[in-house]
Amino acid sequence: MPNLSSFKKFTEGLSEQEYKMPVLFIGHGSPMNGIEDNEFSRRWTKIATELPVPAAVLVVSAHWLSRGTRITAMEFPRTIHDFGGFPQELFAVQYNAPGSPELAKETASIIQSASVELDHDWGLDHGAWTIIRHMYPDANIPVLQLSIDYTKPPQYHYDLANELNALRKKGVLIIGSGNMVHNLRMVSWEMIGGGGYDWANEMNETFKQLIQERNHQPLIHFESLGTGAKMAIPTPEHYLPLLYTLGLQGKNETVSIFNDKAVGGSLTMTSVKIGNG
């Protein structure tokens, strides 16, 4: 099992110039993706095989909003079933990955723009475990979550993410988990298996183009992108994890897009990988 001793060995074995773990933004969609064998979950499984085995995973999930910034710091985070109306099979899932109090303290110490509180109450919400259980089904890699301070503007989150780059150089896989386009009030059950409204598809294309051009300022100030952006992002919590991913992009790092599909008319599963590996 990777632990903080292996974390330290990983760190000692690399110079800062040699390698950085890639960083991901994953469109997590319905909690049912956590137990279904579908095109999205299969890609999550596959992408884990394309990466070096991480020393730990740090997830910024749309489903942990807090006043101030917090990080899970318990030895064994609980599996949170933060949803309703789904089959009992989903509620029965327990993803028993370890946490890492030591890594939590180190992460808190490297973030200078905020006072980060060590949290012993939260755990792994469905923005984290529904993805990670497909990527690392043995639950043998430490998983932590970093909360989203809902009182802060988008630029704050983008800038905070940049402070986490030191973790990438130590073998930590950082994942933003949300959805670029996420408007549950406009979901079409006729398109639940696939398909998007014109405005959703158009905004998805706009987001992808800006990401691939490394033109981050319009993405940070998404309100400036017009009516389509307001429909795609009626509330920011599912979009902000994308900014954490983009804020970690280095000068010459490549971008690739995967799971690029609209579902339910008003959601996109579009996901991003930054970096080599």
Protein backbone atom coordinates (compact mmCIF):
# COMPACT_ATOMS: atom_id res chain seq x y z
CA MET A 1 0.00 0.00 0.00
CA PRO A 2 1.45 3.42 -0.90
CA ASN A 3 1.93 5.41 2.29
CA LEU A 4 3.81 8.46 3.43
CA SER A 5 7.08 6.57 3.66
CA SER A 6 6.74 5.65 -0.01
CA PHE A 7 5.56 9.23 -0.58
CA LYS A 8 8.87 10.47 0.87
CA LYS A 9 10.89 7.97 -1.15
CA PHE A 10 9.07 9.09 -4.29
CA THR A 11 9.94 12.69 -3.41
CA GLU A 12 13.58 11.94 -2.71
CA GLY A 13 13.95 10.06 -5.98
CA LEU A 14 12.88 12.91 -8.22
CA SER A 15 14.11 16.38 -8.89
CA GLU A 16 11.47 19.04 -9.47
CA GLN A 17 12.42 19.20 -13.15
CA GLU A 18 12.07 15.49 -13.85
CA TYR A 19 8.37 14.76 -13.55
CA LYS A 20 5.03 16.03 -12.34
CA MET A 21 1.95 13.86 -12.00
CA PRO A 22 -0.74 14.77 -14.51
CA VAL A 23 -3.84 16.49 -13.18
CA LEU A 24 -7.44 15.65 -14.10
CA PHE A 25 -10.83 17.28 -14.28
CA ILE A 26 -13.47 14.57 -14.38
CA GLY A 27 -17.12 15.09 -15.24
CA HIS A 28 -18.68 12.78 -12.68
CA GLY A 29 -22.35 12.99 -13.66
CA SER A 30 -24.90 10.75 -11.95
CA PRO A 31 -23.92 8.87 -8.76
CA MET A 32 -24.99 5.73 -10.64
CA ASN A 33 -21.75 5.97 -12.60
CA GLY A 34 -20.13 4.76 -9.39
CA ILE A 35 -21.59 1.27 -9.81
CA GLU A 36 -22.36 1.05 -13.51
CA ASP A 37 -20.12 -0.43 -16.19
CA ASN A 38 -20.55 2.21 -18.88
CA GLU A 39 -18.48 4.27 -21.29
CA PHE A 40 -17.61 6.82 -18.61
CA SER A 41 -16.64 4.43 -15.84
CA ARG A 42 -14.62 2.31 -18.28
CA ARG A 43 -12.62 5.37 -19.29
CA TRP A 44 -11.96 6.17 -15.63
CA THR A 45 -10.61 2.65 -15.19
CA LYS A 46 -8.46 2.97 -18.30
CA ILE A 47 -6.99 6.36 -17.48
CA ALA A 48 -5.67 5.02 -14.18
CA THR A 49 -3.62 2.49 -16.15
CA GLU A 50 -2.15 5.31 -18.24
CA LEU A 51 -0.78 7.14 -15.18
CA PRO A 52 2.00 6.25 -12.77
CA VAL A 53 0.61 4.77 -9.57
CA PRO A 54 0.12 7.83 -7.34
CA ALA A 55 1.46 8.19 -3.83
CA ALA A 56 -1.95 9.66 -2.94
CA VAL A 57 -5.02 11.20 -4.56
CA LEU A 58 -6.37 14.64 -3.67
CA VAL A 59 -9.90 15.39 -4.90
CA VAL A 60 -11.61 18.78 -5.16
CA SER A 61 -15.27 17.78 -5.37
CA ALA A 62 -18.29 19.88 -6.27
CA HIS A 63 -20.05 18.29 -3.31
CA TRP A 64 -17.94 19.68 -0.49
CA LEU A 65 -18.63 23.37 -0.06
CA SER A 66 -17.50 25.10 3.11
CA ARG A 67 -16.90 28.51 4.62
CA GLY A 68 -13.14 28.57 4.56
CA THR A 69 -10.92 25.85 3.10
CA ARG A 70 -10.75 22.43 4.74
CA ILE A 71 -8.92 19.19 4.05
CA THR A 72 -9.79 15.70 5.26
CA ALA A 73 -7.21 14.65 7.85
CA MET A 74 -8.47 11.37 9.25
CA GLU A 75 -6.79 7.97 9.01
CA PHE A 76 -9.81 6.37 7.31
CA PRO A 77 -12.35 8.69 5.65
CA ARG A 78 -15.93 7.43 5.64
CA THR A 79 -17.90 6.85 2.45
CA ILE A 80 -20.58 9.55 2.21
CA HIS A 81 -23.84 8.75 0.42
CA ASP A 82 -24.85 12.34 -0.25
CA PHE A 83 -27.84 11.72 -2.53
CA GLY A 84 -31.34 10.33 -2.47
CA GLY A 85 -33.71 8.31 -4.61
CA PHE A 86 -31.20 5.80 -5.94
CA PRO A 87 -31.10 1.99 -5.67
CA GLN A 88 -30.00 0.41 -2.40
CA GLU A 89 -27.02 -1.09 -4.25
CA LEU A 90 -25.54 2.40 -4.49
CA PHE A 91 -26.06 3.15 -0.80
CA ALA A 92 -24.38 -0.13 0.07
CA VAL A 93 -21.06 0.88 -1.48
CA GLN A 94 -18.21 1.38 0.96
CA TYR A 95 -14.94 2.63 -0.49
CA ASN A 96 -12.52 2.02 2.34
CA ALA A 97 -9.40 3.78 1.12
CA PRO A 98 -7.09 5.17 3.78
CA GLY A 99 -6.58 8.85 4.34
CA SER A 100 -3.30 10.52 5.28
CA PRO A 101 -3.16 12.95 8.22
CA GLU A 102 0.49 13.62 7.39
CA LEU A 103 -0.24 14.61 3.79
CA ALA A 104 -3.19 16.70 4.98
CA LYS A 105 -0.88 18.68 7.24
CA GLU A 106 1.69 19.11 4.49
CA THR A 107 -0.97 20.30 2.03
CA ALA A 108 -2.31 22.79 4.56
CA SER A 109 1.20 24.10 5.12
CA ILE A 110 1.95 24.74 1.44
CA ILE A 111 -1.25 26.75 0.89
CA GLN A 112 -0.32 30.31 1.79
CA SER A 113 -3.35 32.17 0.45
CA ALA A 114 -5.73 30.58 2.96
CA SER A 115 -5.72 29.14 6.44
CA VAL A 116 -6.61 25.51 5.82
CA GLU A 117 -8.46 23.67 8.58
CA LEU A 118 -7.79 19.98 9.16
CA ASP A 119 -11.16 18.23 9.01
CA HIS A 120 -12.06 15.01 10.83
CA ASP A 121 -15.79 14.89 10.04
CA TRP A 122 -16.29 14.84 6.26
CA GLY A 123 -14.95 11.82 4.35
CA LEU A 124 -15.29 10.91 0.66
CA ASP A 125 -18.43 12.21 -1.03
CA HIS A 126 -19.81 10.87 -4.29
CA GLY A 127 -17.82 13.38 -6.31
CA ALA A 128 -14.78 11.45 -5.14
CA TRP A 129 -15.58 7.80 -4.50
CA THR A 130 -17.79 7.15 -7.53
CA ILE A 131 -14.75 7.92 -9.71
CA ILE A 132 -11.91 6.64 -7.56
CA ARG A 133 -13.43 3.21 -6.97
CA HIS A 134 -13.22 2.60 -10.72
CA MET A 135 -9.68 3.98 -10.98
CA TYR A 136 -8.28 2.23 -7.92
CA PRO A 137 -10.70 -0.57 -7.01
CA ASP A 138 -8.35 -2.09 -4.42
CA ALA A 139 -8.79 1.03 -2.25
CA ASN A 140 -5.11 0.86 -1.37
CA ILE A 141 -4.08 4.42 -2.20
CA PRO A 142 -4.63 7.27 0.30
CA VAL A 143 -7.45 9.60 -0.77
CA LEU A 144 -8.03 13.09 0.61
CA GLN A 145 -10.52 15.82 -0.22
CA LEU A 146 -10.00 19.56 -0.32
CA SER A 147 -13.15 21.63 0.14
CA ILE A 148 -14.35 24.56 -1.98
CA ASP A 149 -14.75 27.82 -0.07
CA TYR A 150 -18.11 28.99 -1.40
CA THR A 151 -17.53 32.56 -0.14
CA LYS A 152 -14.66 33.15 -2.60
CA PRO A 153 -14.71 34.21 -6.28
CA PRO A 154 -13.48 32.00 -9.14
CA GLN A 155 -10.10 33.74 -9.41
CA TYR A 156 -9.37 32.79 -5.80
CA HIS A 157 -9.84 29.09 -6.56
CA TYR A 158 -7.71 29.24 -9.70
CA ASP A 159 -4.89 30.95 -7.81
CA LEU A 160 -5.12 28.60 -4.82
CA ALA A 161 -4.76 25.62 -7.14
CA ASN A 162 -1.41 26.86 -8.36
CA GLU A 163 -0.06 26.53 -4.83
CA LEU A 164 -0.73 22.78 -4.98
CA ASN A 165 1.80 22.18 -7.74
CA ALA A 166 4.40 21.04 -5.22
CA LEU A 167 2.22 18.01 -4.52
CA ARG A 168 2.30 16.96 -8.16
CA LYS A 169 6.09 16.80 -7.93
CA LYS A 170 5.68 14.38 -5.04
CA GLY A 171 3.48 11.90 -6.85
CA VAL A 172 0.07 13.16 -5.75
CA LEU A 173 -2.70 12.87 -8.34
CA ILE A 174 -4.98 15.92 -8.09
CA ILE A 175 -8.50 15.56 -9.48
CA GLY A 176 -11.18 18.21 -9.89
CA SER A 177 -14.58 16.50 -9.93
CA GLY A 178 -17.69 18.27 -11.21
CA ASN A 179 -19.30 18.98 -14.59
CA MET A 180 -18.56 21.84 -17.00
CA VAL A 181 -22.21 22.08 -18.00
CA HIS A 182 -24.51 21.26 -15.09
CA ASN A 183 -28.11 22.46 -15.02
CA LEU A 184 -30.29 19.90 -13.25
CA ARG A 185 -33.41 22.04 -13.53
CA MET A 186 -33.34 21.61 -17.30
CA VAL A 187 -32.58 17.88 -17.49
CA SER A 188 -34.36 16.07 -20.34
CA TRP A 189 -35.24 12.48 -19.49
CA GLU A 190 -35.63 11.82 -23.21
CA MET A 191 -31.90 12.55 -23.62
CA ILE A 192 -30.72 10.88 -20.41
CA GLY A 193 -28.79 8.25 -22.38
CA GLY A 194 -27.01 10.88 -24.43
CA GLY A 195 -27.58 14.21 -26.13
CA GLY A 196 -27.54 17.87 -25.27
CA TYR A 197 -29.53 21.00 -25.93
CA ASP A 198 -27.98 23.31 -28.52
CA TRP A 199 -26.88 25.81 -25.87
CA ALA A 200 -25.23 23.03 -23.83
CA ASN A 201 -23.32 21.71 -26.82
CA GLU A 202 -22.28 25.20 -27.86
CA MET A 203 -21.00 26.07 -24.40
CA ASN A 204 -19.18 22.77 -24.16
CA GLU A 205 -17.40 23.57 -27.43
CA THR A 206 -16.55 27.05 -26.17
CA PHE A 207 -15.13 25.67 -22.93
CA LYS A 208 -13.06 23.07 -24.78
CA GLN A 209 -11.67 25.62 -27.24
CA LEU A 210 -10.61 27.97 -24.46
CA ILE A 211 -9.04 25.10 -22.52
CA GLN A 212 -7.11 23.86 -25.54
CA GLU A 213 -5.95 27.40 -26.33
CA ARG A 214 -4.87 27.83 -22.71
CA ASN A 215 -7.04 30.95 -22.62
CA HIS A 216 -8.02 30.72 -18.97
CA GLN A 217 -9.20 34.23 -18.20
CA PRO A 218 -12.60 33.87 -19.96
CA LEU A 219 -13.03 30.56 -18.14
CA ILE A 220 -12.30 32.18 -14.80
CA HIS A 221 -14.68 35.05 -15.59
CA PHE A 222 -17.29 32.76 -17.11
CA GLU A 223 -20.10 35.25 -16.52
CA SER A 224 -18.63 37.21 -19.45
CA LEU A 225 -19.37 34.33 -21.82
CA GLY A 226 -23.04 35.30 -22.13
CA THR A 227 -26.44 33.69 -21.71
CA GLY A 228 -25.25 30.21 -22.61
CA ALA A 229 -22.74 30.26 -19.77
CA LYS A 230 -25.44 31.34 -17.33
CA MET A 231 -27.53 28.37 -18.41
CA ALA A 232 -24.56 26.01 -18.25
CA ILE A 233 -23.45 27.29 -14.84
CA PRO A 234 -26.57 28.39 -12.93
CA THR A 235 -24.59 27.80 -9.73
CA PRO A 236 -20.78 27.49 -9.71
CA GLU A 237 -20.07 24.47 -7.51
CA HIS A 238 -19.79 21.90 -10.34
CA TYR A 239 -17.72 24.25 -12.48
CA LEU A 240 -15.17 25.43 -9.90
CA PRO A 241 -13.31 22.09 -9.77
CA LEU A 242 -12.37 22.74 -13.40
CA LEU A 243 -10.60 25.92 -12.32
CA TYR A 244 -8.53 23.94 -9.81
CA THR A 245 -7.38 21.69 -12.65
CA LEU A 246 -6.61 24.60 -14.98
CA GLY A 247 -4.81 26.49 -12.23
CA LEU A 248 -2.33 23.62 -12.02
CA GLN A 249 -1.35 23.70 -15.70
CA GLY A 250 2.34 24.34 -16.30
CA LYS A 251 3.66 26.48 -19.13
CA ASN A 252 4.37 23.70 -21.61
CA GLU A 253 1.93 21.05 -20.44
CA THR A 254 -0.34 19.43 -22.98
CA VAL A 255 -4.11 19.06 -22.71
CA SER A 256 -6.29 16.16 -23.80
CA ILE A 257 -10.07 15.79 -23.66
CA PHE A 258 -11.96 12.58 -22.87
CA ASN A 259 -15.52 11.42 -22.05
CA ASP A 260 -16.65 14.29 -24.24
CA LYS A 261 -20.41 13.71 -24.27
CA ALA A 262 -23.58 15.52 -23.25
CA VAL A 263 -26.24 13.60 -21.31
CA GLY A 264 -29.71 14.53 -20.18
CA GLY A 265 -29.74 17.61 -22.37
CA SER A 266 -28.15 19.92 -19.82
CA LEU A 267 -25.07 18.12 -18.48
CA THR A 268 -21.72 17.28 -20.03
CA MET A 269 -19.33 14.55 -18.94
CA THR A 270 -16.45 16.27 -20.73
CA SER A 271 -13.19 15.68 -18.88
CA VAL A 272 -9.65 17.03 -19.10
CA LYS A 273 -6.17 15.63 -18.58
CA ILE A 274 -3.25 18.02 -18.22
CA GLY A 275 0.34 16.83 -18.37
CA ASN A 276 2.18 13.80 -19.64
CA GLY A 277 1.89 10.33 -18.22
